[in-house]
Amino acid sequence: STRGSKNFLIEKDMLIISAWLNISMDPVQGNNQTHTSYWNRISNYYEGNKEALESDRSANSLRNRWCTINEKVSKFIGFYNQICGRNQSGLTEQDKVDSLFF
């Protein structure tokens, strides 16, 4: 595992993604907040919704994990778009995704 992500599970990653989506799409706050305030709000959402997840993560830890997730998703989308751009007939969506890994 990579440094800093050893204790993150898929459920925790999903909660980080949910927190980021909920806070970043908040029409009331929008862009009228500092970087620190933004990540503190994400941290508060995460802490308030973690329920049974054993986790004590700082806003900085959540931001770092989000950056890792976002980077990997962006790479996946880039590769996927390249495959879609080939316009290979007869491929299902699953075939396109599978071709990224095989």
PDB file of N, CA and C in Angstrom:
ATOM      1  N   SER A   1       0.830  -1.192   0.000  1.00  0.00           N
ATOM      2  CA  SER A   1       0.000   0.000   0.000  1.00  0.00           C
ATOM      3  C   SER A   1       0.866   1.244   0.000  1.00  0.00           C
ATOM      4  N   THR A   2       0.324   2.347  -0.430  1.00  0.00           N
ATOM      5  CA  THR A   2       1.090   3.577  -0.501  1.00  0.00           C
ATOM      6  C   THR A   2       1.086   4.276   0.839  1.00  0.00           C
ATOM      7  N   ARG A   3       2.112   5.065   1.056  1.00  0.00           N
ATOM      8  CA  ARG A   3       2.228   5.804   2.305  1.00  0.00           C
ATOM      9  C   ARG A   3       1.031   6.725   2.483  1.00  0.00           C
ATOM     10  N   GLY A   4       0.474   6.744   3.670  1.00  0.00           N
ATOM     11  CA  GLY A   4      -0.634   7.635   3.973  1.00  0.00           C
ATOM     12  C   GLY A   4      -1.999   7.057   3.662  1.00  0.00           C
ATOM     13  N   SER A   5      -2.055   5.956   2.917  1.00  0.00           N
ATOM     14  CA  SER A   5      -3.359   5.402   2.561  1.00  0.00           C
ATOM     15  C   SER A   5      -3.571   4.021   3.158  1.00  0.00           C
ATOM     16  N   LYS A   6      -2.672   3.579   4.036  1.00  0.00           N
ATOM     17  CA  LYS A   6      -2.717   2.211   4.541  1.00  0.00           C
ATOM     18  C   LYS A   6      -3.994   1.875   5.286  1.00  0.00           C
ATOM     19  N   ASN A   7      -4.619   2.839   5.927  1.00  0.00           N
ATOM     20  CA  ASN A   7      -5.798   2.554   6.730  1.00  0.00           C
ATOM     21  C   ASN A   7      -7.106   2.898   6.028  1.00  0.00           C
ATOM     22  N   PHE A   8      -7.051   3.309   4.789  1.00  0.00           N
ATOM     23  CA  PHE A   8      -8.271   3.640   4.070  1.00  0.00           C
ATOM     24  C   PHE A   8      -8.860   2.392   3.440  1.00  0.00           C
ATOM     25  N   LEU A   9     -10.142   2.218   3.615  1.00  0.00           N
ATOM     26  CA  LEU A   9     -10.886   1.125   3.012  1.00  0.00           C
ATOM     27  C   LEU A   9     -11.792   1.696   1.934  1.00  0.00           C
ATOM     28  N   ILE A  10     -12.343   0.833   1.114  1.00  0.00           N
ATOM     29  CA  ILE A  10     -13.253   1.286   0.068  1.00  0.00           C
ATOM     30  C   ILE A  10     -14.407   2.084   0.663  1.00  0.00           C
ATOM     31  N   GLU A  11     -14.943   1.629   1.798  1.00  0.00           N
ATOM     32  CA  GLU A  11     -16.059   2.338   2.420  1.00  0.00           C
ATOM     33  C   GLU A  11     -15.660   3.753   2.831  1.00  0.00           C
ATOM     34  N   LYS A  12     -14.443   3.885   3.322  1.00  0.00           N
ATOM     35  CA  LYS A  12     -13.953   5.205   3.717  1.00  0.00           C
ATOM     36  C   LYS A  12     -13.736   6.081   2.490  1.00  0.00           C
ATOM     37  N   ASP A  13     -13.194   5.483   1.430  1.00  0.00           N
ATOM     38  CA  ASP A  13     -13.012   6.237   0.190  1.00  0.00           C
ATOM     39  C   ASP A  13     -14.354   6.703  -0.359  1.00  0.00           C
ATOM     40  N   MET A  14     -15.350   5.837  -0.297  1.00  0.00           N
ATOM     41  CA  MET A  14     -16.678   6.213  -0.788  1.00  0.00           C
ATOM     42  C   MET A  14     -17.246   7.366   0.035  1.00  0.00           C
ATOM     43  N   LEU A  15     -16.997   7.355   1.330  1.00  0.00           N
ATOM     44  CA  LEU A  15     -17.468   8.441   2.191  1.00  0.00           C
ATOM     45  C   LEU A  15     -16.739   9.745   1.866  1.00  0.00           C
ATOM     46  N   ILE A  16     -15.435   9.664   1.591  1.00  0.00           N
ATOM     47  CA  ILE A  16     -14.693  10.863   1.185  1.00  0.00           C
ATOM     48  C   ILE A  16     -15.272  11.428  -0.101  1.00  0.00           C
ATOM     49  N   ILE A  17     -15.557  10.565  -1.062  1.00  0.00           N
ATOM     50  CA  ILE A  17     -16.138  11.003  -2.332  1.00  0.00           C
ATOM     51  C   ILE A  17     -17.496  11.652  -2.084  1.00  0.00           C
ATOM     52  N   SER A  18     -18.311  11.037  -1.253  1.00  0.00           N
ATOM     53  CA  SER A  18     -19.623  11.589  -0.915  1.00  0.00           C
ATOM     54  C   SER A  18     -19.484  12.955  -0.245  1.00  0.00           C
ATOM     55  N   ALA A  19     -18.535  13.058   0.685  1.00  0.00           N
ATOM     56  CA  ALA A  19     -18.312  14.335   1.371  1.00  0.00           C
ATOM     57  C   ALA A  19     -17.893  15.407   0.373  1.00  0.00           C
ATOM     58  N   TRP A  20     -16.955  15.065  -0.503  1.00  0.00           N
ATOM     59  CA  TRP A  20     -16.479  16.028  -1.498  1.00  0.00           C
ATOM     60  C   TRP A  20     -17.621  16.481  -2.401  1.00  0.00           C
ATOM     61  N   LEU A  21     -18.434  15.521  -2.882  1.00  0.00           N
ATOM     62  CA  LEU A  21     -19.553  15.872  -3.758  1.00  0.00           C
ATOM     63  C   LEU A  21     -20.559  16.763  -3.045  1.00  0.00           C
ATOM     64  N   ASN A  22     -20.921  16.401  -1.824  1.00  0.00           N
ATOM     65  CA  ASN A  22     -21.912  17.192  -1.080  1.00  0.00           C
ATOM     66  C   ASN A  22     -21.430  18.600  -0.784  1.00  0.00           C
ATOM     67  N   ILE A  23     -20.189  18.747  -0.408  1.00  0.00           N
ATOM     68  CA  ILE A  23     -19.661  20.069  -0.061  1.00  0.00           C
ATOM     69  C   ILE A  23     -19.378  20.887  -1.322  1.00  0.00           C
ATOM     70  N   SER A  24     -18.808  20.262  -2.341  1.00  0.00           N
ATOM     71  CA  SER A  24     -18.448  21.018  -3.542  1.00  0.00           C
ATOM     72  C   SER A  24     -19.672  21.456  -4.336  1.00  0.00           C
ATOM     73  N   MET A  25     -20.801  20.772  -4.173  1.00  0.00           N
ATOM     74  CA  MET A  25     -22.008  21.121  -4.927  1.00  0.00           C
ATOM     75  C   MET A  25     -22.992  21.938  -4.097  1.00  0.00           C
ATOM     76  N   ASP A  26     -22.577  22.378  -2.923  1.00  0.00           N
ATOM     77  CA  ASP A  26     -23.434  23.183  -2.061  1.00  0.00           C
ATOM     78  C   ASP A  26     -23.618  24.570  -2.669  1.00  0.00           C
ATOM     79  N   PRO A  27     -24.828  24.881  -3.179  1.00  0.00           N
ATOM     80  CA  PRO A  27     -25.035  26.168  -3.853  1.00  0.00           C
ATOM     81  C   PRO A  27     -24.981  27.364  -2.903  1.00  0.00           C
ATOM     82  N   VAL A  28     -25.171  27.125  -1.623  1.00  0.00           N
ATOM     83  CA  VAL A  28     -25.150  28.225  -0.658  1.00  0.00           C
ATOM     84  C   VAL A  28     -23.722  28.730  -0.455  1.00  0.00           C
ATOM     85  N   GLN A  29     -22.779  27.814  -0.279  1.00  0.00           N
ATOM     86  CA  GLN A  29     -21.384  28.196  -0.049  1.00  0.00           C
ATOM     87  C   GLN A  29     -20.654  28.517  -1.354  1.00  0.00           C
ATOM     88  N   GLY A  30     -20.853  27.659  -2.361  1.00  0.00           N
ATOM     89  CA  GLY A  30     -20.190  27.871  -3.643  1.00  0.00           C
ATOM     90  C   GLY A  30     -18.705  28.085  -3.491  1.00  0.00           C
ATOM     91  N   ASN A  31     -18.178  29.081  -4.192  1.00  0.00           N
ATOM     92  CA  ASN A  31     -16.750  29.382  -4.155  1.00  0.00           C
ATOM     93  C   ASN A  31     -16.396  30.399  -3.086  1.00  0.00           C
ATOM     94  N   ASN A  32     -17.372  30.811  -2.294  1.00  0.00           N
ATOM     95  CA  ASN A  32     -17.140  31.840  -1.280  1.00  0.00           C
ATOM     96  C   ASN A  32     -16.624  31.261   0.027  1.00  0.00           C
ATOM     97  N   GLN A  33     -15.537  30.499  -0.062  1.00  0.00           N
ATOM     98  CA  GLN A  33     -14.948  29.928   1.139  1.00  0.00           C
ATOM     99  C   GLN A  33     -13.454  29.723   0.904  1.00  0.00           C
ATOM    100  N   THR A  34     -12.703  29.762   1.985  1.00  0.00           N
ATOM    101  CA  THR A  34     -11.271  29.540   1.870  1.00  0.00           C
ATOM    102  C   THR A  34     -10.993  28.054   1.672  1.00  0.00           C
ATOM    103  N   HIS A  35      -9.780  27.758   1.232  1.00  0.00           N
ATOM    104  CA  HIS A  35      -9.349  26.375   1.053  1.00  0.00           C
ATOM    105  C   HIS A  35      -9.470  25.608   2.380  1.00  0.00           C
ATOM    106  N   THR A  36      -9.032  26.233   3.447  1.00  0.00           N
ATOM    107  CA  THR A  36      -9.093  25.598   4.775  1.00  0.00           C
ATOM    108  C   THR A  36     -10.539  25.366   5.195  1.00  0.00           C
ATOM    109  N   SER A  37     -11.380  26.361   5.003  1.00  0.00           N
ATOM    110  CA  SER A  37     -12.800  26.236   5.353  1.00  0.00           C
ATOM    111  C   SER A  37     -13.455  25.122   4.547  1.00  0.00           C
ATOM    112  N   TYR A  38     -13.147  25.045   3.272  1.00  0.00           N
ATOM    113  CA  TYR A  38     -13.689  24.019   2.374  1.00  0.00           C
ATOM    114  C   TYR A  38     -13.356  22.618   2.897  1.00  0.00           C
ATOM    115  N   TRP A  39     -12.073  22.376   3.199  1.00  0.00           N
ATOM    116  CA  TRP A  39     -11.676  21.046   3.651  1.00  0.00           C
ATOM    117  C   TRP A  39     -12.126  20.765   5.081  1.00  0.00           C
ATOM    118  N   ASN A  40     -12.286  21.784   5.884  1.00  0.00           N
ATOM    119  CA  ASN A  40     -12.868  21.580   7.216  1.00  0.00           C
ATOM    120  C   ASN A  40     -14.326  21.149   7.099  1.00  0.00           C
ATOM    121  N   ARG A  41     -15.058  21.728   6.161  1.00  0.00           N
ATOM    122  CA  ARG A  41     -16.452  21.322   5.937  1.00  0.00           C
ATOM    123  C   ARG A  41     -16.526  19.880   5.448  1.00  0.00           C
ATOM    124  N   ILE A  42     -15.603  19.492   4.569  1.00  0.00           N
ATOM    125  CA  ILE A  42     -15.551  18.097   4.112  1.00  0.00           C
ATOM    126  C   ILE A  42     -15.246  17.190   5.293  1.00  0.00           C
ATOM    127  N   SER A  43     -14.295  17.585   6.136  1.00  0.00           N
ATOM    128  CA  SER A  43     -13.953  16.797   7.316  1.00  0.00           C
ATOM    129  C   SER A  43     -15.147  16.661   8.256  1.00  0.00           C
ATOM    130  N   ASN A  44     -15.869  17.744   8.471  1.00  0.00           N
ATOM    131  CA  ASN A  44     -17.056  17.698   9.332  1.00  0.00           C
ATOM    132  C   ASN A  44     -18.120  16.774   8.760  1.00  0.00           C
ATOM    133  N   TYR A  45     -18.332  16.822   7.452  1.00  0.00           N
ATOM    134  CA  TYR A  45     -19.290  15.920   6.805  1.00  0.00           C
ATOM    135  C   TYR A  45     -18.850  14.474   7.008  1.00  0.00           C
ATOM    136  N   TYR A  46     -17.558  14.215   6.752  1.00  0.00           N
ATOM    137  CA  TYR A  46     -17.003  12.873   6.898  1.00  0.00           C
ATOM    138  C   TYR A  46     -17.206  12.362   8.329  1.00  0.00           C
ATOM    139  N   GLU A  47     -16.820  13.174   9.302  1.00  0.00           N
ATOM    140  CA  GLU A  47     -16.948  12.775  10.707  1.00  0.00           C
ATOM    141  C   GLU A  47     -18.413  12.559  11.102  1.00  0.00           C
ATOM    142  N   GLY A  48     -19.297  13.386  10.567  1.00  0.00           N
ATOM    143  CA  GLY A  48     -20.708  13.280  10.909  1.00  0.00           C
ATOM    144  C   GLY A  48     -21.437  12.129  10.248  1.00  0.00           C
ATOM    145  N   ASN A  49     -20.804  11.523   9.237  1.00  0.00           N
ATOM    146  CA  ASN A  49     -21.465  10.450   8.489  1.00  0.00           C
ATOM    147  C   ASN A  49     -20.706   9.130   8.493  1.00  0.00           C
ATOM    148  N   LYS A  50     -19.642   9.029   9.267  1.00  0.00           N
ATOM    149  CA  LYS A  50     -18.835   7.810   9.223  1.00  0.00           C
ATOM    150  C   LYS A  50     -19.475   6.634   9.954  1.00  0.00           C
ATOM    151  N   GLU A  51     -20.448   6.885  10.793  1.00  0.00           N
ATOM    152  CA  GLU A  51     -21.194   5.858  11.521  1.00  0.00           C
ATOM    153  C   GLU A  51     -20.287   4.786  12.094  1.00  0.00           C
ATOM    154  N   ALA A  52     -20.317   3.579  11.551  1.00  0.00           N
ATOM    155  CA  ALA A  52     -19.579   2.459  12.136  1.00  0.00           C
ATOM    156  C   ALA A  52     -18.118   2.407  11.693  1.00  0.00           C
ATOM    157  N   LEU A  53     -17.708   3.299  10.808  1.00  0.00           N
ATOM    158  CA  LEU A  53     -16.330   3.280  10.352  1.00  0.00           C
ATOM    159  C   LEU A  53     -15.413   3.800  11.458  1.00  0.00           C
ATOM    160  N   GLU A  54     -14.422   3.003  11.806  1.00  0.00           N
ATOM    161  CA  GLU A  54     -13.431   3.429  12.790  1.00  0.00           C
ATOM    162  C   GLU A  54     -12.445   4.333  12.077  1.00  0.00           C
ATOM    163  N   SER A  55     -12.510   5.620  12.325  1.00  0.00           N
ATOM    164  CA  SER A  55     -11.630   6.520  11.611  1.00  0.00           C
ATOM    165  C   SER A  55     -11.546   7.868  12.304  1.00  0.00           C
ATOM    166  N   ASP A  56     -10.342   8.320  12.498  1.00  0.00           N
ATOM    167  CA  ASP A  56     -10.082   9.682  12.946  1.00  0.00           C
ATOM    168  C   ASP A  56      -9.166  10.302  11.907  1.00  0.00           C
ATOM    169  N   ARG A  57      -9.732  11.057  11.013  1.00  0.00           N
ATOM    170  CA  ARG A  57      -8.968  11.656   9.926  1.00  0.00           C
ATOM    171  C   ARG A  57      -9.065  13.164  10.002  1.00  0.00           C
ATOM    172  N   SER A  58      -7.942  13.818   9.840  1.00  0.00           N
ATOM    173  CA  SER A  58      -7.925  15.278   9.798  1.00  0.00           C
ATOM    174  C   SER A  58      -8.381  15.741   8.422  1.00  0.00           C
ATOM    175  N   ALA A  59      -8.714  17.010   8.330  1.00  0.00           N
ATOM    176  CA  ALA A  59      -9.083  17.582   7.035  1.00  0.00           C
ATOM    177  C   ALA A  59      -7.933  17.411   6.051  1.00  0.00           C
ATOM    178  N   ASN A  60      -6.701  17.572   6.507  1.00  0.00           N
ATOM    179  CA  ASN A  60      -5.536  17.422   5.636  1.00  0.00           C
ATOM    180  C   ASN A  60      -5.392  15.987   5.138  1.00  0.00           C
ATOM    181  N   SER A  61      -5.629  15.013   6.008  1.00  0.00           N
ATOM    182  CA  SER A  61      -5.567  13.609   5.619  1.00  0.00           C
ATOM    183  C   SER A  61      -6.633  13.293   4.575  1.00  0.00           C
ATOM    184  N   LEU A  62      -7.835  13.815   4.777  1.00  0.00           N
ATOM    185  CA  LEU A  62      -8.912  13.598   3.805  1.00  0.00           C
ATOM    186  C   LEU A  62      -8.582  14.254   2.464  1.00  0.00           C
ATOM    187  N   ARG A  63      -8.009  15.458   2.506  1.00  0.00           N
ATOM    188  CA  ARG A  63      -7.633  16.159   1.272  1.00  0.00           C
ATOM    189  C   ARG A  63      -6.587  15.355   0.507  1.00  0.00           C
ATOM    190  N   ASN A  64      -5.581  14.839   1.220  1.00  0.00           N
ATOM    191  CA  ASN A  64      -4.543  14.047   0.564  1.00  0.00           C
ATOM    192  C   ASN A  64      -5.119  12.784  -0.066  1.00  0.00           C
ATOM    193  N   ARG A  65      -6.021  12.114   0.646  1.00  0.00           N
ATOM    194  CA  ARG A  65      -6.623  10.900   0.092  1.00  0.00           C
ATOM    195  C   ARG A  65      -7.491  11.243  -1.111  1.00  0.00           C
ATOM    196  N   TRP A  66      -8.246  12.353  -1.027  1.00  0.00           N
ATOM    197  CA  TRP A  66      -9.069  12.782  -2.155  1.00  0.00           C
ATOM    198  C   TRP A  66      -8.183  13.033  -3.371  1.00  0.00           C
ATOM    199  N   CYS A  67      -7.045  13.665  -3.192  1.00  0.00           N
ATOM    200  CA  CYS A  67      -6.144  13.942  -4.322  1.00  0.00           C
ATOM    201  C   CYS A  67      -5.697  12.640  -4.984  1.00  0.00           C
ATOM    202  N   THR A  68      -5.406  11.625  -4.185  1.00  0.00           N
ATOM    203  CA  THR A  68      -5.015  10.317  -4.723  1.00  0.00           C
ATOM    204  C   THR A  68      -6.165   9.686  -5.507  1.00  0.00           C
ATOM    205  N   ILE A  69      -7.352   9.704  -4.934  1.00  0.00           N
ATOM    206  CA  ILE A  69      -8.528   9.144  -5.617  1.00  0.00           C
ATOM    207  C   ILE A  69      -8.772   9.899  -6.918  1.00  0.00           C
ATOM    208  N   ASN A  70      -8.763  11.220  -6.859  1.00  0.00           N
ATOM    209  CA  ASN A  70      -9.050  12.047  -8.025  1.00  0.00           C
ATOM    210  C   ASN A  70      -8.036  11.801  -9.145  1.00  0.00           C
ATOM    211  N   GLU A  71      -6.766  11.660  -8.794  1.00  0.00           N
ATOM    212  CA  GLU A  71      -5.730  11.399  -9.793  1.00  0.00           C
ATOM    213  C   GLU A  71      -5.974  10.069 -10.504  1.00  0.00           C
ATOM    214  N   LYS A  72      -6.291   9.033  -9.739  1.00  0.00           N
ATOM    215  CA  LYS A  72      -6.521   7.711 -10.329  1.00  0.00           C
ATOM    216  C   LYS A  72      -7.778   7.693 -11.195  1.00  0.00           C
ATOM    217  N   VAL A  73      -8.831   8.355 -10.748  1.00  0.00           N
ATOM    218  CA  VAL A  73     -10.064   8.421 -11.535  1.00  0.00           C
ATOM    219  C   VAL A  73      -9.819   9.190 -12.830  1.00  0.00           C
ATOM    220  N   SER A  74      -9.071  10.267 -12.761  1.00  0.00           N
ATOM    221  CA  SER A  74      -8.761  11.062 -13.956  1.00  0.00           C
ATOM    222  C   SER A  74      -7.980  10.238 -14.976  1.00  0.00           C
ATOM    223  N   LYS A  75      -7.014   9.444 -14.506  1.00  0.00           N
ATOM    224  CA  LYS A  75      -6.260   8.570 -15.413  1.00  0.00           C
ATOM    225  C   LYS A  75      -7.181   7.543 -16.052  1.00  0.00           C
ATOM    226  N   PHE A  76      -8.054   6.942 -15.245  1.00  0.00           N
ATOM    227  CA  PHE A  76      -8.991   5.953 -15.771  1.00  0.00           C
ATOM    228  C   PHE A  76      -9.858   6.577 -16.866  1.00  0.00           C
ATOM    229  N   ILE A  77     -10.394   7.745 -16.603  1.00  0.00           N
ATOM    230  CA  ILE A  77     -11.263   8.421 -17.576  1.00  0.00           C
ATOM    231  C   ILE A  77     -10.492   8.720 -18.856  1.00  0.00           C
ATOM    232  N   GLY A  78      -9.251   9.149 -18.725  1.00  0.00           N
ATOM    233  CA  GLY A  78      -8.434   9.423 -19.911  1.00  0.00           C
ATOM    234  C   GLY A  78      -8.240   8.184 -20.767  1.00  0.00           C
ATOM    235  N   PHE A  79      -7.901   7.074 -20.136  1.00  0.00           N
ATOM    236  CA  PHE A  79      -7.729   5.820 -20.879  1.00  0.00           C
ATOM    237  C   PHE A  79      -9.052   5.355 -21.480  1.00  0.00           C
ATOM    238  N   TYR A  80     -10.111   5.464 -20.701  1.00  0.00           N
ATOM    239  CA  TYR A  80     -11.426   5.044 -21.183  1.00  0.00           C
ATOM    240  C   TYR A  80     -11.849   5.874 -22.400  1.00  0.00           C
ATOM    241  N   ASN A  81     -11.611   7.168 -22.353  1.00  0.00           N
ATOM    242  CA  ASN A  81     -11.958   8.033 -23.485  1.00  0.00           C
ATOM    243  C   ASN A  81     -11.147   7.683 -24.726  1.00  0.00           C
ATOM    244  N   GLN A  82      -9.890   7.269 -24.548  1.00  0.00           N
ATOM    245  CA  GLN A  82      -9.078   6.833 -25.686  1.00  0.00           C
ATOM    246  C   GLN A  82      -9.699   5.601 -26.340  1.00  0.00           C
ATOM    247  N   ILE A  83     -10.142   4.666 -25.521  1.00  0.00           N
ATOM    248  CA  ILE A  83     -10.759   3.445 -26.040  1.00  0.00           C
ATOM    249  C   ILE A  83     -12.068   3.780 -26.750  1.00  0.00           C
ATOM    250  N   CYS A  84     -12.869   4.649 -26.152  1.00  0.00           N
ATOM    251  CA  CYS A  84     -14.135   5.039 -26.779  1.00  0.00           C
ATOM    252  C   CYS A  84     -13.886   5.753 -28.104  1.00  0.00           C
ATOM    253  N   GLY A  85     -12.791   6.493 -28.193  1.00  0.00           N
ATOM    254  CA  GLY A  85     -12.455   7.222 -29.415  1.00  0.00           C
ATOM    255  C   GLY A  85     -12.070   6.318 -30.569  1.00  0.00           C
ATOM    256  N   ARG A  86     -11.766   5.082 -30.284  1.00  0.00           N
ATOM    257  CA  ARG A  86     -11.414   4.127 -31.344  1.00  0.00           C
ATOM    258  C   ARG A  86     -12.639   3.678 -32.145  1.00  0.00           C
ATOM    259  N   ASN A  87     -13.830   3.895 -31.587  1.00  0.00           N
ATOM    260  CA  ASN A  87     -15.091   3.530 -32.246  1.00  0.00           C
ATOM    261  C   ASN A  87     -15.105   2.090 -32.740  1.00  0.00           C
ATOM    262  N   GLN A  88     -14.670   1.164 -31.911  1.00  0.00           N
ATOM    263  CA  GLN A  88     -14.697  -0.245 -32.271  1.00  0.00           C
ATOM    264  C   GLN A  88     -16.120  -0.759 -32.146  1.00  0.00           C
ATOM    265  N   SER A  89     -16.669  -1.223 -33.241  1.00  0.00           N
ATOM    266  CA  SER A  89     -18.051  -1.689 -33.217  1.00  0.00           C
ATOM    267  C   SER A  89     -18.152  -3.021 -32.485  1.00  0.00           C
ATOM    268  N   GLY A  90     -19.299  -3.232 -31.881  1.00  0.00           N
ATOM    269  CA  GLY A  90     -19.582  -4.489 -31.206  1.00  0.00           C
ATOM    270  C   GLY A  90     -19.080  -4.581 -29.778  1.00  0.00           C
ATOM    271  N   LEU A  91     -18.386  -3.560 -29.276  1.00  0.00           N
ATOM    272  CA  LEU A  91     -17.900  -3.605 -27.902  1.00  0.00           C
ATOM    273  C   LEU A  91     -18.960  -3.084 -26.942  1.00  0.00           C
ATOM    274  N   THR A  92     -19.167  -3.831 -25.877  1.00  0.00           N
ATOM    275  CA  THR A  92     -20.051  -3.354 -24.815  1.00  0.00           C
ATOM    276  C   THR A  92     -19.253  -2.419 -23.914  1.00  0.00           C
ATOM    277  N   GLU A  93     -19.957  -1.727 -23.017  1.00  0.00           N
ATOM    278  CA  GLU A  93     -19.261  -0.866 -22.061  1.00  0.00           C
ATOM    279  C   GLU A  93     -18.292  -1.696 -21.216  1.00  0.00           C
ATOM    280  N   GLN A  94     -18.711  -2.905 -20.826  1.00  0.00           N
ATOM    281  CA  GLN A  94     -17.838  -3.773 -20.036  1.00  0.00           C
ATOM    282  C   GLN A  94     -16.617  -4.188 -20.829  1.00  0.00           C
ATOM    283  N   ASP A  95     -16.758  -4.465 -22.122  1.00  0.00           N
ATOM    284  CA  ASP A  95     -15.612  -4.796 -22.968  1.00  0.00           C
ATOM    285  C   ASP A  95     -14.600  -3.656 -22.969  1.00  0.00           C
ATOM    286  N   LYS A  96     -15.114  -2.420 -23.040  1.00  0.00           N
ATOM    287  CA  LYS A  96     -14.231  -1.252 -23.057  1.00  0.00           C
ATOM    288  C   LYS A  96     -13.460  -1.136 -21.743  1.00  0.00           C
ATOM    289  N   VAL A  97     -14.158  -1.328 -20.629  1.00  0.00           N
ATOM    290  CA  VAL A  97     -13.495  -1.269 -19.317  1.00  0.00           C
ATOM    291  C   VAL A  97     -12.506  -2.410 -19.174  1.00  0.00           C
ATOM    292  N   ASP A  98     -12.904  -3.605 -19.581  1.00  0.00           N
ATOM    293  CA  ASP A  98     -12.015  -4.764 -19.473  1.00  0.00           C
ATOM    294  C   ASP A  98     -10.745  -4.551 -20.293  1.00  0.00           C
ATOM    295  N   SER A  99     -10.826  -3.882 -21.421  1.00  0.00           N
ATOM    296  CA  SER A  99      -9.651  -3.679 -22.261  1.00  0.00           C
ATOM    297  C   SER A  99      -8.627  -2.758 -21.590  1.00  0.00           C
ATOM    298  N   LEU A 100      -9.035  -2.029 -20.565  1.00  0.00           N
ATOM    299  CA  LEU A 100      -8.099  -1.199 -19.819  1.00  0.00           C
ATOM    300  C   LEU A 100      -7.190  -2.025 -18.940  1.00  0.00           C
ATOM    301  N   PHE A 101      -7.651  -3.206 -18.566  1.00  0.00           N
ATOM    302  CA  PHE A 101      -6.920  -4.023 -17.591  1.00  0.00           C
ATOM    303  C   PHE A 101      -6.281  -5.262 -18.183  1.00  0.00           C
ATOM    304  N   PHE A 102      -6.590  -5.584 -19.429  1.00  0.00           N
ATOM    305  CA  PHE A 102      -6.055  -6.819 -20.031  1.00  0.00           C
ATOM    306  C   PHE A 102      -5.283  -6.531 -21.279  1.00  0.00           C
TER     307      PHE A 102
END
